[in-house]
């Protein structure tokens, strides 16, 4: 397993931006597929964005064109740039790291994002 620590959440007005960061405690970070998930009250945790070991990306339809996921393997970091935020983006955002062949699936503690006027 790998330890993940998120930061960058907070309160922002609709239309605003936030950048989430996730620091990983592994020396083989480049071998992990990384993702950001969110969970709103009363809802299941859902995938927001993912980035593979080859830097390929995928996004939930609801955030396409507004959110960008990126990774810096040298710094062992993954980021989520969130623009044009909407109230429905509110939730706890979790960083996730996977190595499918090894059965590794690690989660951070989460960071709260609240979009409200």
Protein backbone atom coordinates (compact mmCIF):
# COMPACT_ATOMS: atom_id res chain seq x y z
CA UNK A 1 0.00 0.00 0.00
CA UNK A 2 0.99 3.63 -0.45
CA UNK A 3 0.24 6.59 1.78
CA UNK A 4 -1.56 9.44 0.04
CA UNK A 5 -2.04 12.95 1.44
CA UNK A 6 -4.42 15.40 -0.24
CA UNK A 7 -4.41 19.17 0.09
CA UNK A 8 -5.95 22.20 -1.57
CA UNK A 9 -9.61 21.88 -0.73
CA UNK A 10 -11.73 24.71 0.59
CA UNK A 11 -14.69 26.98 0.06
CA UNK A 12 -15.05 28.65 -3.33
CA UNK A 13 -17.79 30.58 -5.08
CA UNK A 14 -19.51 29.19 -8.17
CA UNK A 15 -17.38 29.86 -11.22
CA UNK A 16 -14.20 29.82 -9.18
CA UNK A 17 -11.18 27.54 -9.31
CA UNK A 18 -9.27 25.24 -6.97
CA UNK A 19 -6.23 23.04 -7.40
CA UNK A 20 -6.03 19.83 -5.43
CA UNK A 21 -2.72 18.12 -4.78
CA UNK A 22 -1.92 14.61 -3.67
CA UNK A 23 1.49 13.52 -2.38
CA UNK A 24 2.41 9.84 -2.54
CA UNK A 25 4.88 8.05 -0.27
CA UNK A 26 6.29 5.55 -2.73
CA UNK A 27 9.50 5.42 -4.73
CA UNK A 28 7.74 3.65 -7.59
CA UNK A 29 5.06 6.31 -8.09
CA UNK A 30 5.37 6.09 -11.87
CA UNK A 31 4.03 2.52 -11.72
CA UNK A 32 0.73 3.58 -10.16
CA UNK A 33 -2.45 4.56 -11.95
CA UNK A 34 -3.79 7.59 -10.11
CA UNK A 35 -7.26 9.02 -9.75
CA UNK A 36 -9.45 11.56 -8.03
CA UNK A 37 -12.82 10.51 -6.67
CA UNK A 38 -15.47 12.52 -4.88
CA UNK A 39 -18.29 11.73 -2.52
CA UNK A 40 -21.19 14.07 -1.86
CA UNK A 41 -23.42 13.59 1.18
CA UNK A 42 -25.82 10.72 0.60
CA UNK A 43 -24.08 9.69 -2.60
CA UNK A 44 -21.66 6.95 -3.54
CA UNK A 45 -18.03 7.73 -4.20
CA UNK A 46 -17.55 8.41 -7.91
CA UNK A 47 -14.58 8.71 -10.23
CA UNK A 48 -13.88 12.30 -11.24
CA UNK A 49 -10.65 11.87 -13.22
CA UNK A 50 -7.96 9.28 -13.75
CA UNK A 51 -4.44 9.28 -15.15
CA UNK A 52 -2.57 6.18 -16.17
CA UNK A 53 1.09 5.26 -15.96
CA UNK A 54 1.35 6.41 -19.59
CA UNK A 55 -0.27 9.75 -18.69
CA UNK A 56 -3.48 8.89 -20.51
CA UNK A 57 -6.46 10.55 -18.88
CA UNK A 58 -10.17 9.99 -18.46
CA UNK A 59 -12.87 12.16 -16.96
CA UNK A 60 -16.42 11.92 -15.71
CA UNK A 61 -18.77 13.52 -18.23
CA UNK A 62 -19.84 16.07 -15.64
CA UNK A 63 -16.33 17.57 -15.38
CA UNK A 64 -15.03 17.30 -18.94
CA UNK A 65 -13.71 20.62 -20.17
CA UNK A 66 -13.57 22.04 -16.64
CA UNK A 67 -11.19 19.76 -14.71
CA UNK A 68 -7.67 18.66 -15.61
CA UNK A 69 -5.72 15.86 -13.96
CA UNK A 70 -1.93 15.77 -14.17
CA UNK A 71 0.97 14.00 -12.53
CA UNK A 72 4.61 14.76 -11.76
CA UNK A 73 6.44 11.47 -11.34
CA UNK A 74 9.65 13.13 -10.15
CA UNK A 75 7.79 14.83 -7.29
CA UNK A 76 5.46 11.86 -6.70
CA UNK A 77 2.46 14.17 -7.00
CA UNK A 78 -0.90 14.14 -8.76
CA UNK A 79 -3.00 17.25 -9.24
CA UNK A 80 -6.57 18.14 -10.09
CA UNK A 81 -7.13 21.62 -11.52
CA UNK A 82 -10.80 22.48 -11.15
CA UNK A 83 -12.20 25.46 -13.06
CA UNK A 84 -15.71 26.84 -13.51
CA UNK A 85 -16.77 25.12 -10.32
CA UNK A 86 -20.44 24.43 -9.72
CA UNK A 87 -22.36 23.76 -6.49
CA UNK A 88 -22.79 20.15 -7.61
CA UNK A 89 -19.01 19.73 -7.47
CA UNK A 90 -19.25 19.95 -3.69
CA UNK A 91 -17.99 16.90 -1.83
CA UNK A 92 -15.03 15.19 -0.26
CA UNK A 93 -12.34 14.56 -2.85
CA UNK A 94 -10.15 11.48 -2.44
CA UNK A 95 -6.88 10.62 -4.08
CA UNK A 96 -6.49 7.01 -5.22
CA UNK A 97 -3.53 4.92 -6.30
CA UNK A 98 -3.78 1.55 -8.01
CA UNK A 99 -1.48 -1.18 -9.22
CA UNK A 100 -3.89 -3.62 -10.74
CA UNK A 101 -1.59 -6.61 -11.16
CA UNK A 102 -0.47 -6.38 -7.52
CA UNK A 103 -3.98 -5.83 -6.19
CA UNK A 104 -3.03 -2.49 -4.63
CA UNK A 105 -5.78 0.08 -4.15
CA UNK A 106 -4.89 2.91 -1.75
CA UNK A 107 -6.89 5.94 -0.62
CA UNK A 108 -6.06 9.26 0.92
CA UNK A 109 -7.98 10.76 3.82
CA UNK A 110 -9.91 13.16 1.59
CA UNK A 111 -10.18 16.92 1.31
CA UNK A 112 -13.42 18.89 1.43
CA UNK A 113 -14.45 21.04 -1.52
CA UNK A 114 -17.46 23.30 -1.05
CA UNK A 115 -18.82 25.40 -3.90
CA UNK A 116 -21.27 27.94 -2.58
CA UNK A 117 -22.07 31.61 -2.73
